Amino acid sequence: MPLNLQARLLRVLEEREVVPLGGEVPASVDIQLISATHRNLQDMVRRGEFREDLYYRLQGISLSLPALRDRTDIRRLIEHSLRQEAEGRPARIHEAALRALERYGWPGNIRQLRNALRTALALCEGDFITLADLPEEIASGGGEAADQAVPAQVLNPLESAERQALLAELERQRWNVTVVARNLSTSRNTIYRKMKRLGIRPLSSERAGD
């Protein structure tokens, strides 16, 4: 938050008034503020990047949350997140896949975990997530052998042609599965299943943004 906006926020907290956009008359507000950051605000105060008066105004009850990789309840959190992403579907996860998820470093924290589970649910067969359904960077760090997607060299000629056509479309659309599915008049889940069957690994960047 730029310093000028920090000053405005401080004024709102002190005066309990805001001026509506395009208006001139202040309106009273009754709010309780909850704020979150992944930055070290004390260091920012020392560098002059964060107002000291606002820092102490915000500092009421403070909670420090550990990174996902440091959580001692990560298995329970994975299972809870899986239930949320499944949205009522019966979803299970193989023990090897669960261990790979536990061991991964999770630089993107909970958002990355939920996105990985969402992708795995789209790829898996029969609502059962295996190691092969996980993003490659997670599965490869799990330390477990897995059934990998079918390599291109064992496909029959028809499947090879289908693989090349799908790869070409994915590359043309910058690996945006949503756009590919729309262009082919099908669902994203169908595209993901075809990718798995034909040995096409989703790109990490596509999974993060799609």
N, C-alpha and C. Protein backbone atom coordinates (compact mmCIF):
# COMPACT_ATOMS: atom_id res chain seq x y z
N MET A 1 0.85 -1.19 0.00
CA MET A 1 0.00 0.00 0.00
C MET A 1 0.89 1.24 0.00
N PRO A 2 0.71 2.12 -1.00
CA PRO A 2 1.51 3.34 -1.04
C PRO A 2 1.32 4.18 0.22
N LEU A 3 2.30 5.02 0.53
CA LEU A 3 2.26 5.80 1.76
C LEU A 3 1.05 6.73 1.81
N ASN A 4 0.66 7.28 0.66
CA ASN A 4 -0.48 8.20 0.70
C ASN A 4 -1.77 7.46 1.04
N LEU A 5 -1.91 6.21 0.59
CA LEU A 5 -3.09 5.43 0.97
C LEU A 5 -3.02 4.97 2.42
N GLN A 6 -1.80 4.74 2.90
CA GLN A 6 -1.65 4.40 4.32
C GLN A 6 -2.17 5.55 5.19
N ALA A 7 -1.87 6.77 4.78
CA ALA A 7 -2.34 7.93 5.54
C ALA A 7 -3.87 8.01 5.51
N ARG A 8 -4.47 7.70 4.36
CA ARG A 8 -5.94 7.72 4.28
C ARG A 8 -6.56 6.65 5.16
N LEU A 9 -5.97 5.46 5.15
CA LEU A 9 -6.49 4.38 5.99
C LEU A 9 -6.39 4.75 7.45
N LEU A 10 -5.28 5.34 7.85
CA LEU A 10 -5.11 5.76 9.24
C LEU A 10 -6.17 6.78 9.62
N ARG A 11 -6.47 7.69 8.71
CA ARG A 11 -7.48 8.72 9.00
C ARG A 11 -8.87 8.09 9.14
N VAL A 12 -9.17 7.09 8.31
CA VAL A 12 -10.46 6.41 8.42
C VAL A 12 -10.55 5.69 9.77
N LEU A 13 -9.48 5.03 10.17
CA LEU A 13 -9.50 4.30 11.44
C LEU A 13 -9.65 5.24 12.64
N GLU A 14 -9.05 6.41 12.53
CA GLU A 14 -9.10 7.37 13.64
C GLU A 14 -10.43 8.11 13.68
N GLU A 15 -10.91 8.55 12.52
CA GLU A 15 -12.10 9.41 12.49
C GLU A 15 -13.39 8.63 12.26
N ARG A 16 -13.27 7.37 11.84
CA ARG A 16 -14.44 6.53 11.56
C ARG A 16 -15.37 7.18 10.52
N GLU A 17 -14.74 7.82 9.54
CA GLU A 17 -15.50 8.45 8.46
C GLU A 17 -14.81 8.20 7.13
N VAL A 18 -15.63 8.07 6.09
CA VAL A 18 -15.10 7.97 4.73
C VAL A 18 -15.87 8.93 3.85
N VAL A 19 -15.22 9.38 2.80
CA VAL A 19 -15.89 10.23 1.81
C VAL A 19 -16.15 9.35 0.58
N PRO A 20 -17.42 9.10 0.24
CA PRO A 20 -17.72 8.24 -0.91
C PRO A 20 -17.09 8.80 -2.19
N LEU A 21 -16.75 7.90 -3.10
CA LEU A 21 -16.15 8.29 -4.37
C LEU A 21 -17.09 9.23 -5.11
N GLY A 22 -16.59 10.40 -5.45
CA GLY A 22 -17.39 11.39 -6.15
C GLY A 22 -18.22 12.27 -5.23
N GLY A 23 -18.15 11.98 -3.93
CA GLY A 23 -18.93 12.77 -2.97
C GLY A 23 -18.06 13.77 -2.22
N GLU A 24 -18.71 14.56 -1.40
CA GLU A 24 -18.00 15.57 -0.62
C GLU A 24 -18.33 15.47 0.87
N VAL A 25 -19.44 14.82 1.19
CA VAL A 25 -19.87 14.75 2.59
C VAL A 25 -19.38 13.44 3.21
N PRO A 26 -18.63 13.50 4.32
CA PRO A 26 -18.16 12.27 4.97
C PRO A 26 -19.32 11.43 5.48
N ALA A 27 -19.15 10.13 5.43
CA ALA A 27 -20.16 9.20 5.95
C ALA A 27 -19.53 8.41 7.09
N SER A 28 -20.27 8.26 8.17
CA SER A 28 -19.76 7.52 9.32
C SER A 28 -19.74 6.02 9.02
N VAL A 29 -18.72 5.33 9.51
CA VAL A 29 -18.61 3.88 9.32
C VAL A 29 -18.32 3.23 10.66
N ASP A 30 -18.82 2.03 10.84
CA ASP A 30 -18.56 1.25 12.04
C ASP A 30 -17.93 -0.06 11.60
N ILE A 31 -16.62 -0.17 11.67
CA ILE A 31 -15.91 -1.33 11.12
C ILE A 31 -14.94 -1.91 12.14
N GLN A 32 -14.65 -3.19 11.95
CA GLN A 32 -13.54 -3.84 12.63
C GLN A 32 -12.60 -4.32 11.53
N LEU A 33 -11.34 -3.92 11.59
CA LEU A 33 -10.40 -4.20 10.52
C LEU A 33 -9.58 -5.45 10.82
N ILE A 34 -9.54 -6.36 9.84
CA ILE A 34 -8.66 -7.52 9.89
C ILE A 34 -7.70 -7.40 8.73
N SER A 35 -6.43 -7.43 8.99
CA SER A 35 -5.43 -7.26 7.92
C SER A 35 -4.47 -8.44 7.93
N ALA A 36 -3.89 -8.71 6.78
CA ALA A 36 -2.94 -9.81 6.64
C ALA A 36 -1.81 -9.39 5.72
N THR A 37 -0.62 -9.92 5.95
CA THR A 37 0.52 -9.61 5.10
C THR A 37 1.52 -10.75 5.18
N HIS A 38 2.29 -10.91 4.09
CA HIS A 38 3.41 -11.85 4.12
C HIS A 38 4.73 -11.09 4.21
N ARG A 39 4.65 -9.78 4.43
CA ARG A 39 5.85 -8.93 4.53
C ARG A 39 6.20 -8.71 6.00
N ASN A 40 7.47 -8.37 6.25
CA ASN A 40 7.92 -8.02 7.59
C ASN A 40 7.69 -6.52 7.78
N LEU A 41 6.60 -6.16 8.46
CA LEU A 41 6.22 -4.75 8.57
C LEU A 41 7.21 -3.96 9.41
N GLN A 42 7.81 -4.59 10.41
CA GLN A 42 8.79 -3.86 11.22
C GLN A 42 9.99 -3.43 10.38
N ASP A 43 10.44 -4.32 9.49
CA ASP A 43 11.54 -3.94 8.59
C ASP A 43 11.10 -2.82 7.66
N MET A 44 9.84 -2.88 7.20
CA MET A 44 9.35 -1.84 6.30
C MET A 44 9.24 -0.50 7.02
N VAL A 45 8.87 -0.53 8.30
CA VAL A 45 8.83 0.70 9.08
C VAL A 45 10.22 1.31 9.17
N ARG A 46 11.23 0.45 9.43
CA ARG A 46 12.60 0.95 9.54
C ARG A 46 13.10 1.53 8.23
N ARG A 47 12.62 0.99 7.10
CA ARG A 47 13.04 1.49 5.80
C ARG A 47 12.19 2.66 5.32
N GLY A 48 11.21 3.05 6.10
CA GLY A 48 10.35 4.16 5.71
C GLY A 48 9.31 3.80 4.68
N GLU A 49 9.02 2.50 4.52
CA GLU A 49 8.05 2.05 3.53
C GLU A 49 6.66 1.82 4.13
N PHE A 50 6.57 1.84 5.44
CA PHE A 50 5.29 1.65 6.11
C PHE A 50 5.22 2.60 7.29
N ARG A 51 4.10 3.29 7.42
CA ARG A 51 3.96 4.31 8.47
C ARG A 51 3.98 3.65 9.85
N GLU A 52 4.81 4.18 10.73
CA GLU A 52 4.92 3.62 12.08
C GLU A 52 3.62 3.79 12.85
N ASP A 53 2.94 4.96 12.69
CA ASP A 53 1.70 5.19 13.43
C ASP A 53 0.61 4.22 12.97
N LEU A 54 0.58 3.92 11.66
CA LEU A 54 -0.41 2.95 11.17
C LEU A 54 -0.08 1.55 11.67
N TYR A 55 1.21 1.22 11.72
CA TYR A 55 1.61 -0.10 12.21
C TYR A 55 1.09 -0.33 13.62
N TYR A 56 1.29 0.63 14.51
CA TYR A 56 0.83 0.45 15.88
C TYR A 56 -0.69 0.57 15.99
N ARG A 57 -1.31 1.28 15.07
CA ARG A 57 -2.77 1.36 15.08
C ARG A 57 -3.38 0.03 14.68
N LEU A 58 -2.73 -0.69 13.78
CA LEU A 58 -3.23 -1.98 13.33
C LEU A 58 -2.89 -3.12 14.29
N GLN A 59 -1.84 -2.92 15.07
CA GLN A 59 -1.32 -4.02 15.88
C GLN A 59 -2.15 -4.22 17.13
N GLY A 60 -3.25 -4.96 16.98
CA GLY A 60 -4.06 -5.35 18.13
C GLY A 60 -3.70 -6.78 18.50
N ILE A 61 -4.57 -7.70 18.16
CA ILE A 61 -4.28 -9.12 18.33
C ILE A 61 -3.55 -9.60 17.08
N SER A 62 -2.34 -10.12 17.24
CA SER A 62 -1.53 -10.56 16.11
C SER A 62 -1.37 -12.07 16.11
N LEU A 63 -1.56 -12.66 14.96
CA LEU A 63 -1.37 -14.10 14.79
C LEU A 63 -0.34 -14.33 13.69
N SER A 64 0.64 -15.16 13.96
CA SER A 64 1.63 -15.53 12.95
C SER A 64 1.33 -16.95 12.48
N LEU A 65 1.02 -17.08 11.20
CA LEU A 65 0.67 -18.38 10.64
C LEU A 65 1.89 -19.00 9.97
N PRO A 66 2.20 -20.26 10.27
CA PRO A 66 3.36 -20.90 9.64
C PRO A 66 3.11 -21.17 8.17
N ALA A 67 4.18 -21.23 7.40
CA ALA A 67 4.07 -21.62 5.99
C ALA A 67 3.53 -23.05 5.91
N LEU A 68 2.90 -23.37 4.80
CA LEU A 68 2.29 -24.69 4.65
C LEU A 68 3.31 -25.80 4.89
N ARG A 69 4.54 -25.62 4.42
CA ARG A 69 5.56 -26.67 4.57
C ARG A 69 5.94 -26.89 6.03
N ASP A 70 5.63 -25.92 6.90
CA ASP A 70 5.98 -26.04 8.31
C ASP A 70 4.82 -26.51 9.18
N ARG A 71 3.67 -26.73 8.57
CA ARG A 71 2.50 -27.15 9.34
C ARG A 71 2.66 -28.59 9.81
N THR A 72 2.34 -28.85 11.07
CA THR A 72 2.40 -30.22 11.59
C THR A 72 1.12 -30.99 11.28
N ASP A 73 0.08 -30.28 10.87
CA ASP A 73 -1.19 -30.92 10.55
C ASP A 73 -1.45 -30.93 9.05
N ILE A 74 -0.37 -31.00 8.25
CA ILE A 74 -0.52 -30.83 6.81
C ILE A 74 -1.38 -31.93 6.19
N ARG A 75 -1.28 -33.16 6.70
CA ARG A 75 -2.10 -34.23 6.14
C ARG A 75 -3.59 -33.94 6.34
N ARG A 76 -3.94 -33.51 7.51
CA ARG A 76 -5.34 -33.18 7.78
C ARG A 76 -5.80 -32.00 6.92
N LEU A 77 -4.90 -31.04 6.71
CA LEU A 77 -5.22 -29.89 5.87
C LEU A 77 -5.41 -30.30 4.41
N ILE A 78 -4.57 -31.22 3.93
CA ILE A 78 -4.72 -31.72 2.56
C ILE A 78 -6.07 -32.41 2.39
N GLU A 79 -6.42 -33.25 3.34
CA GLU A 79 -7.69 -33.98 3.25
C GLU A 79 -8.88 -33.02 3.32
N HIS A 80 -8.77 -31.99 4.17
CA HIS A 80 -9.83 -30.99 4.26
C HIS A 80 -9.96 -30.22 2.94
N SER A 81 -8.82 -29.81 2.37
CA SER A 81 -8.84 -29.07 1.11
C SER A 81 -9.39 -29.93 -0.02
N LEU A 82 -9.09 -31.22 0.01
CA LEU A 82 -9.61 -32.12 -1.02
C LEU A 82 -11.12 -32.20 -0.96
N ARG A 83 -11.67 -32.27 0.24
CA ARG A 83 -13.13 -32.31 0.38
C ARG A 83 -13.76 -31.02 -0.15
N GLN A 84 -13.11 -29.90 0.12
CA GLN A 84 -13.63 -28.62 -0.37
C GLN A 84 -13.59 -28.56 -1.89
N GLU A 85 -12.48 -28.98 -2.50
CA GLU A 85 -12.35 -28.92 -3.95
C GLU A 85 -13.27 -29.93 -4.64
N ALA A 86 -13.56 -31.05 -3.97
CA ALA A 86 -14.42 -32.07 -4.56
C ALA A 86 -15.87 -31.61 -4.62
N GLU A 87 -16.24 -30.67 -3.76
CA GLU A 87 -17.59 -30.09 -3.76
C GLU A 87 -18.69 -31.17 -3.71
N GLY A 88 -18.54 -32.09 -2.78
CA GLY A 88 -19.56 -33.10 -2.60
C GLY A 88 -19.32 -34.39 -3.35
N ARG A 89 -18.38 -34.38 -4.32
CA ARG A 89 -18.05 -35.62 -5.02
C ARG A 89 -17.31 -36.56 -4.08
N PRO A 90 -17.47 -37.87 -4.23
CA PRO A 90 -16.65 -38.80 -3.46
C PRO A 90 -15.23 -38.79 -4.01
N ALA A 91 -14.28 -38.35 -3.22
CA ALA A 91 -12.90 -38.23 -3.70
C ALA A 91 -11.97 -38.91 -2.71
N ARG A 92 -11.05 -39.71 -3.25
CA ARG A 92 -10.05 -40.38 -2.42
C ARG A 92 -8.68 -40.11 -3.00
N ILE A 93 -7.66 -40.35 -2.18
CA ILE A 93 -6.29 -40.09 -2.63
C ILE A 93 -5.41 -41.25 -2.20
N HIS A 94 -4.59 -41.74 -3.13
CA HIS A 94 -3.69 -42.85 -2.85
C HIS A 94 -2.64 -42.41 -1.83
N GLU A 95 -2.20 -43.35 -0.99
CA GLU A 95 -1.24 -43.03 0.06
C GLU A 95 0.06 -42.45 -0.50
N ALA A 96 0.54 -42.99 -1.64
CA ALA A 96 1.77 -42.46 -2.24
C ALA A 96 1.60 -41.01 -2.67
N ALA A 97 0.43 -40.69 -3.22
CA ALA A 97 0.15 -39.30 -3.62
C ALA A 97 0.06 -38.41 -2.40
N LEU A 98 -0.54 -38.91 -1.34
CA LEU A 98 -0.67 -38.13 -0.12
C LEU A 98 0.70 -37.84 0.48
N ARG A 99 1.60 -38.83 0.46
CA ARG A 99 2.95 -38.61 0.99
C ARG A 99 3.72 -37.60 0.14
N ALA A 100 3.52 -37.65 -1.18
CA ALA A 100 4.20 -36.67 -2.05
C ALA A 100 3.72 -35.26 -1.74
N LEU A 101 2.42 -35.11 -1.50
CA LEU A 101 1.88 -33.80 -1.15
C LEU A 101 2.43 -33.32 0.19
N GLU A 102 2.61 -34.24 1.13
CA GLU A 102 3.14 -33.88 2.44
C GLU A 102 4.59 -33.42 2.35
N ARG A 103 5.37 -34.03 1.46
CA ARG A 103 6.80 -33.76 1.39
C ARG A 103 7.14 -32.52 0.57
N TYR A 104 6.23 -32.08 -0.27
CA TYR A 104 6.51 -30.97 -1.16
C TYR A 104 6.69 -29.67 -0.38
N GLY A 105 7.51 -28.75 -0.90
CA GLY A 105 7.83 -27.52 -0.17
C GLY A 105 6.77 -26.45 -0.20
N TRP A 106 5.84 -26.45 -1.15
CA TRP A 106 4.71 -25.52 -1.27
C TRP A 106 5.12 -24.05 -1.20
N PRO A 107 5.90 -23.59 -2.18
CA PRO A 107 6.24 -22.15 -2.19
C PRO A 107 5.01 -21.26 -2.36
N GLY A 108 3.95 -21.80 -2.99
CA GLY A 108 2.72 -21.02 -3.17
C GLY A 108 1.71 -21.23 -2.07
N ASN A 109 2.08 -21.96 -1.01
CA ASN A 109 1.24 -22.18 0.16
C ASN A 109 -0.13 -22.76 -0.21
N ILE A 110 -1.18 -22.37 0.52
CA ILE A 110 -2.47 -23.03 0.41
C ILE A 110 -3.08 -22.86 -0.97
N ARG A 111 -2.86 -21.71 -1.63
CA ARG A 111 -3.42 -21.52 -2.97
C ARG A 111 -2.84 -22.56 -3.94
N GLN A 112 -1.54 -22.81 -3.84
CA GLN A 112 -0.92 -23.80 -4.71
C GLN A 112 -1.45 -25.20 -4.41
N LEU A 113 -1.62 -25.52 -3.14
CA LEU A 113 -2.16 -26.83 -2.77
C LEU A 113 -3.55 -27.03 -3.35
N ARG A 114 -4.41 -26.05 -3.19
CA ARG A 114 -5.78 -26.20 -3.68
C ARG A 114 -5.82 -26.29 -5.20
N ASN A 115 -4.96 -25.55 -5.87
CA ASN A 115 -4.91 -25.63 -7.32
C ASN A 115 -4.41 -26.99 -7.78
N ALA A 116 -3.42 -27.55 -7.07
CA ALA A 116 -2.90 -28.87 -7.41
C ALA A 116 -3.98 -29.93 -7.23
N LEU A 117 -4.76 -29.83 -6.15
CA LEU A 117 -5.83 -30.79 -5.91
C LEU A 117 -6.94 -30.63 -6.95
N ARG A 118 -7.24 -29.39 -7.33
CA ARG A 118 -8.28 -29.15 -8.32
C ARG A 118 -7.89 -29.79 -9.66
N THR A 119 -6.62 -29.63 -10.04
CA THR A 119 -6.14 -30.23 -11.28
C THR A 119 -6.15 -31.75 -11.19
N ALA A 120 -5.73 -32.30 -10.05
CA ALA A 120 -5.71 -33.75 -9.87
C ALA A 120 -7.11 -34.33 -9.96
N LEU A 121 -8.09 -33.64 -9.42
CA LEU A 121 -9.47 -34.11 -9.51
C LEU A 121 -9.97 -34.13 -10.95
N ALA A 122 -9.49 -33.17 -11.73
CA ALA A 122 -9.89 -33.13 -13.14
C ALA A 122 -9.23 -34.25 -13.93
N LEU A 123 -8.02 -34.66 -13.52
CA LEU A 123 -7.27 -35.67 -14.26
C LEU A 123 -7.58 -37.09 -13.84
N CYS A 124 -7.98 -37.29 -12.60
CA CYS A 124 -8.06 -38.65 -12.06
C CYS A 124 -9.22 -39.43 -12.65
N GLU A 125 -9.10 -40.74 -12.60
CA GLU A 125 -10.15 -41.64 -13.05
C GLU A 125 -10.89 -42.18 -11.83
N GLY A 126 -12.20 -42.15 -11.89
CA GLY A 126 -12.99 -42.73 -10.81
C GLY A 126 -12.88 -42.02 -9.48
N ASP A 127 -12.59 -40.72 -9.50
CA ASP A 127 -12.51 -39.93 -8.26
C ASP A 127 -11.45 -40.47 -7.29
N PHE A 128 -10.37 -41.08 -7.84
CA PHE A 128 -9.30 -41.61 -7.01
C PHE A 128 -7.99 -41.03 -7.50
N ILE A 129 -7.39 -40.13 -6.71
CA ILE A 129 -6.17 -39.44 -7.11
C ILE A 129 -4.96 -40.32 -6.85
N THR A 130 -4.14 -40.53 -7.89
CA THR A 130 -2.89 -41.27 -7.75
C THR A 130 -1.73 -40.31 -7.95
N LEU A 131 -0.52 -40.83 -7.75
CA LEU A 131 0.67 -40.00 -7.92
C LEU A 131 0.77 -39.46 -9.34
N ALA A 132 0.33 -40.23 -10.32
CA ALA A 132 0.41 -39.79 -11.72
C ALA A 132 -0.51 -38.62 -12.02
N ASP A 133 -1.50 -38.37 -11.15
CA ASP A 133 -2.43 -37.26 -11.38
C ASP A 133 -1.91 -35.94 -10.85
N LEU A 134 -0.84 -35.97 -10.07
CA LEU A 134 -0.32 -34.76 -9.45
C LEU A 134 0.57 -34.01 -10.43
N PRO A 135 0.74 -32.69 -10.25
CA PRO A 135 1.69 -31.93 -11.06
C PRO A 135 3.07 -32.57 -10.98
N GLU A 136 3.80 -32.52 -12.08
CA GLU A 136 5.07 -33.24 -12.18
C GLU A 136 6.07 -32.84 -11.11
N GLU A 137 6.13 -31.53 -10.80
CA GLU A 137 7.12 -31.09 -9.82
C GLU A 137 6.80 -31.61 -8.42
N ILE A 138 5.54 -31.92 -8.16
CA ILE A 138 5.16 -32.48 -6.87
C ILE A 138 5.36 -33.99 -6.86
N ALA A 139 4.91 -34.66 -7.92
CA ALA A 139 5.03 -36.12 -7.99
C ALA A 139 6.49 -36.55 -8.03
N SER A 140 7.33 -35.82 -8.74
CA SER A 140 8.73 -36.23 -8.87
C SER A 140 9.50 -36.07 -7.57
N GLY A 141 9.00 -35.23 -6.68
CA GLY A 141 9.67 -35.05 -5.40
C GLY A 141 9.13 -35.94 -4.31
N GLY A 142 8.17 -36.81 -4.66
CA GLY A 142 7.55 -37.64 -3.65
C GLY A 142 8.33 -38.85 -3.24
N GLY A 143 9.32 -39.24 -4.07
CA GLY A 143 10.15 -40.38 -3.70
C GLY A 143 9.46 -41.71 -3.87
N GLU A 144 8.38 -41.76 -4.63
CA GLU A 144 7.65 -43.00 -4.81
C GLU A 144 7.58 -43.34 -6.28
N ALA A 145 7.60 -44.63 -6.60
CA ALA A 145 7.39 -45.05 -7.99
C ALA A 145 5.94 -44.84 -8.34
N ALA A 146 5.68 -44.53 -9.61
CA ALA A 146 4.30 -44.27 -10.00
C ALA A 146 4.06 -44.73 -11.41
N ASP A 147 2.80 -45.00 -11.71
CA ASP A 147 2.41 -45.27 -13.09
C ASP A 147 2.31 -43.93 -13.80
N GLN A 148 3.21 -43.70 -14.73
CA GLN A 148 3.24 -42.43 -15.43
C GLN A 148 2.24 -42.44 -16.58
N ALA A 149 1.98 -41.25 -17.11
CA ALA A 149 1.10 -41.15 -18.27
C ALA A 149 1.70 -41.95 -19.43
N VAL A 150 0.87 -42.39 -20.33
CA VAL A 150 1.31 -43.24 -21.43
C VAL A 150 2.31 -42.49 -22.30
N PRO A 151 3.52 -43.00 -22.51
CA PRO A 151 4.48 -42.31 -23.38
C PRO A 151 4.03 -42.35 -24.82
N ALA A 152 4.44 -41.32 -25.58
CA ALA A 152 3.96 -41.20 -26.95
C ALA A 152 4.38 -42.38 -27.82
N GLN A 153 5.55 -43.00 -27.54
CA GLN A 153 6.04 -44.03 -28.44
C GLN A 153 5.23 -45.32 -28.39
N VAL A 154 4.35 -45.53 -27.41
CA VAL A 154 3.56 -46.76 -27.35
C VAL A 154 2.15 -46.53 -27.86
N LEU A 155 1.85 -45.36 -28.35
CA LEU A 155 0.52 -45.08 -28.89
C LEU A 155 0.39 -45.65 -30.30
N ASN A 156 -0.85 -46.02 -30.64
CA ASN A 156 -1.07 -46.47 -32.01
C ASN A 156 -1.13 -45.25 -32.93
N PRO A 157 -1.11 -45.46 -34.26
CA PRO A 157 -1.06 -44.31 -35.18
C PRO A 157 -2.20 -43.32 -34.99
N LEU A 158 -3.40 -43.82 -34.71
CA LEU A 158 -4.53 -42.92 -34.53
C LEU A 158 -4.35 -42.08 -33.27
N GLU A 159 -3.89 -42.72 -32.19
CA GLU A 159 -3.67 -41.99 -30.94
C GLU A 159 -2.52 -40.99 -31.10
N SER A 160 -1.49 -41.39 -31.84
CA SER A 160 -0.37 -40.47 -32.07
C SER A 160 -0.83 -39.22 -32.81
N ALA A 161 -1.70 -39.43 -33.80
CA ALA A 161 -2.22 -38.27 -34.55
C ALA A 161 -3.07 -37.39 -33.64
N GLU A 162 -3.88 -38.03 -32.78
CA GLU A 162 -4.71 -37.26 -31.84
C GLU A 162 -3.83 -36.48 -30.87
N ARG A 163 -2.74 -37.11 -30.44
CA ARG A 163 -1.82 -36.44 -29.51
C ARG A 163 -1.19 -35.22 -30.16
N GLN A 164 -0.72 -35.37 -31.38
CA GLN A 164 -0.10 -34.24 -32.07
C GLN A 164 -1.08 -33.11 -32.29
N ALA A 165 -2.33 -33.45 -32.63
CA ALA A 165 -3.34 -32.41 -32.86
C ALA A 165 -3.66 -31.67 -31.57
N LEU A 166 -3.78 -32.41 -30.48
CA LEU A 166 -4.08 -31.77 -29.20
C LEU A 166 -2.91 -30.92 -28.73
N LEU A 167 -1.69 -31.43 -28.88
CA LEU A 167 -0.51 -30.65 -28.50
C LEU A 167 -0.43 -29.35 -29.30
N ALA A 168 -0.72 -29.45 -30.58
CA ALA A 168 -0.66 -28.25 -31.42
C ALA A 168 -1.68 -27.21 -30.96
N GLU A 169 -2.88 -27.67 -30.62
CA GLU A 169 -3.91 -26.75 -30.15
C GLU A 169 -3.55 -26.15 -28.80
N LEU A 170 -3.00 -26.96 -27.90
CA LEU A 170 -2.57 -26.46 -26.59
C LEU A 170 -1.49 -25.40 -26.74
N GLU A 171 -0.53 -25.66 -27.61
CA GLU A 171 0.55 -24.69 -27.81
C GLU A 171 0.03 -23.43 -28.48
N ARG A 172 -0.93 -23.59 -29.40
CA ARG A 172 -1.50 -22.42 -30.08
C ARG A 172 -2.24 -21.53 -29.09
N GLN A 173 -2.86 -22.14 -28.08
CA GLN A 173 -3.61 -21.38 -27.08
C GLN A 173 -2.80 -21.14 -25.81
N ARG A 174 -1.47 -21.30 -25.91
CA ARG A 174 -0.56 -21.04 -24.77
C ARG A 174 -0.94 -21.88 -23.55
N TRP A 175 -1.38 -23.11 -23.79
CA TRP A 175 -1.71 -24.09 -22.76
C TRP A 175 -2.86 -23.65 -21.87
N ASN A 176 -3.74 -22.84 -22.42
CA ASN A 176 -4.94 -22.44 -21.69
C ASN A 176 -6.02 -23.49 -21.98
N VAL A 177 -6.21 -24.41 -21.03
CA VAL A 177 -7.12 -25.54 -21.24
C VAL A 177 -8.56 -25.06 -21.41
N THR A 178 -8.94 -23.99 -20.73
CA THR A 178 -10.30 -23.47 -20.86
C THR A 178 -10.59 -23.05 -22.30
N VAL A 179 -9.65 -22.34 -22.93
CA VAL A 179 -9.84 -21.91 -24.31
C VAL A 179 -9.85 -23.10 -25.26
N VAL A 180 -8.93 -24.06 -25.02
CA VAL A 180 -8.88 -25.26 -25.87
C VAL A 180 -10.20 -26.01 -25.81
N ALA A 181 -10.73 -26.19 -24.60
CA ALA A 181 -12.00 -26.91 -24.44
C ALA A 181 -13.12 -26.19 -25.16
N ARG A 182 -13.15 -24.86 -25.06
CA ARG A 182 -14.19 -24.09 -25.74
C ARG A 182 -14.06 -24.22 -27.27
N ASN A 183 -12.85 -24.18 -27.77
CA ASN A 183 -12.64 -24.29 -29.22
C ASN A 183 -13.02 -25.67 -29.75
N LEU A 184 -12.87 -26.68 -28.91
CA LEU A 184 -13.18 -28.05 -29.33
C LEU A 184 -14.59 -28.47 -28.91
N SER A 185 -15.35 -27.53 -28.35
CA SER A 185 -16.74 -27.79 -27.94
C SER A 185 -16.83 -28.97 -26.97
N THR A 186 -15.95 -28.95 -25.97
CA THR A 186 -15.97 -30.00 -24.96
C THR A 186 -15.67 -29.39 -23.60
N SER A 187 -15.52 -30.20 -22.58
CA SER A 187 -15.27 -29.69 -21.23
C SER A 187 -13.78 -29.73 -20.90
N ARG A 188 -13.39 -28.95 -19.91
CA ARG A 188 -12.00 -28.96 -19.45
C ARG A 188 -11.63 -30.34 -18.92
N ASN A 189 -12.56 -31.00 -18.19
CA ASN A 189 -12.26 -32.32 -17.66
C ASN A 189 -11.95 -33.31 -18.77
N THR A 190 -12.69 -33.22 -19.87
CA THR A 190 -12.43 -34.10 -21.01
C THR A 190 -11.05 -33.85 -21.59
N ILE A 191 -10.66 -32.58 -21.71
CA ILE A 191 -9.33 -32.26 -22.21
C ILE A 191 -8.25 -32.81 -21.28
N TYR A 192 -8.44 -32.63 -19.98
CA TYR A 192 -7.46 -33.15 -19.03
C TYR A 192 -7.34 -34.68 -19.13
N ARG A 193 -8.48 -35.36 -19.29
CA ARG A 193 -8.43 -36.82 -19.40
C ARG A 193 -7.72 -37.26 -20.68
N LYS A 194 -7.98 -36.53 -21.78
CA LYS A 194 -7.28 -36.83 -23.02
C LYS A 194 -5.77 -36.62 -22.86
N MET A 195 -5.39 -35.54 -22.19
CA MET A 195 -3.97 -35.26 -21.98
C MET A 195 -3.31 -36.39 -21.19
N LYS A 196 -4.01 -36.87 -20.16
CA LYS A 196 -3.46 -37.95 -19.37
C LYS A 196 -3.32 -39.23 -20.20
N ARG A 197 -4.37 -39.56 -20.96
CA ARG A 197 -4.36 -40.78 -21.76
C ARG A 197 -3.29 -40.74 -22.84
N LEU A 198 -3.02 -39.56 -23.38
CA LEU A 198 -2.08 -39.42 -24.48
C LEU A 198 -0.67 -39.05 -24.02
N GLY A 199 -0.47 -39.02 -22.72
CA GLY A 199 0.88 -38.75 -22.20
C GLY A 199 1.31 -37.32 -22.29
N ILE A 200 0.36 -36.38 -22.17
CA ILE A 200 0.68 -34.94 -22.21
C ILE A 200 0.58 -34.39 -20.80
N ARG A 201 1.70 -33.93 -20.27
CA ARG A 201 1.72 -33.34 -18.94
C ARG A 201 1.30 -31.88 -18.99
N PRO A 202 0.36 -31.45 -18.12
CA PRO A 202 0.02 -30.01 -18.08
C PRO A 202 1.23 -29.20 -17.66
N LEU A 203 1.41 -28.03 -18.26
CA LEU A 203 2.48 -27.13 -17.85
C LEU A 203 2.15 -26.51 -16.52
N SER A 204 3.19 -26.27 -15.67
CA SER A 204 2.97 -25.66 -14.35
C SER A 204 2.34 -24.30 -14.48
N SER A 205 2.78 -23.49 -15.45
CA SER A 205 2.23 -22.14 -15.61
C SER A 205 0.78 -22.18 -15.98
N GLU A 206 0.38 -23.18 -16.81
CA GLU A 206 -1.01 -23.28 -17.20
C GLU A 206 -1.87 -23.66 -16.02
N ARG A 207 -1.37 -24.60 -15.20
CA ARG A 207 -2.17 -25.02 -14.06
C ARG A 207 -2.34 -23.88 -13.08
N ALA A 208 -1.29 -23.06 -12.91
CA ALA A 208 -1.40 -21.98 -11.95
C ALA A 208 -2.38 -20.91 -12.39
N GLY A 209 -2.50 -20.69 -13.70
CA GLY A 209 -3.33 -19.57 -14.15
C GLY A 209 -4.69 -19.96 -14.66
N ASP A 210 -4.96 -21.26 -14.84
CA ASP A 210 -6.21 -21.65 -15.48
C ASP A 210 -7.23 -22.07 -14.44
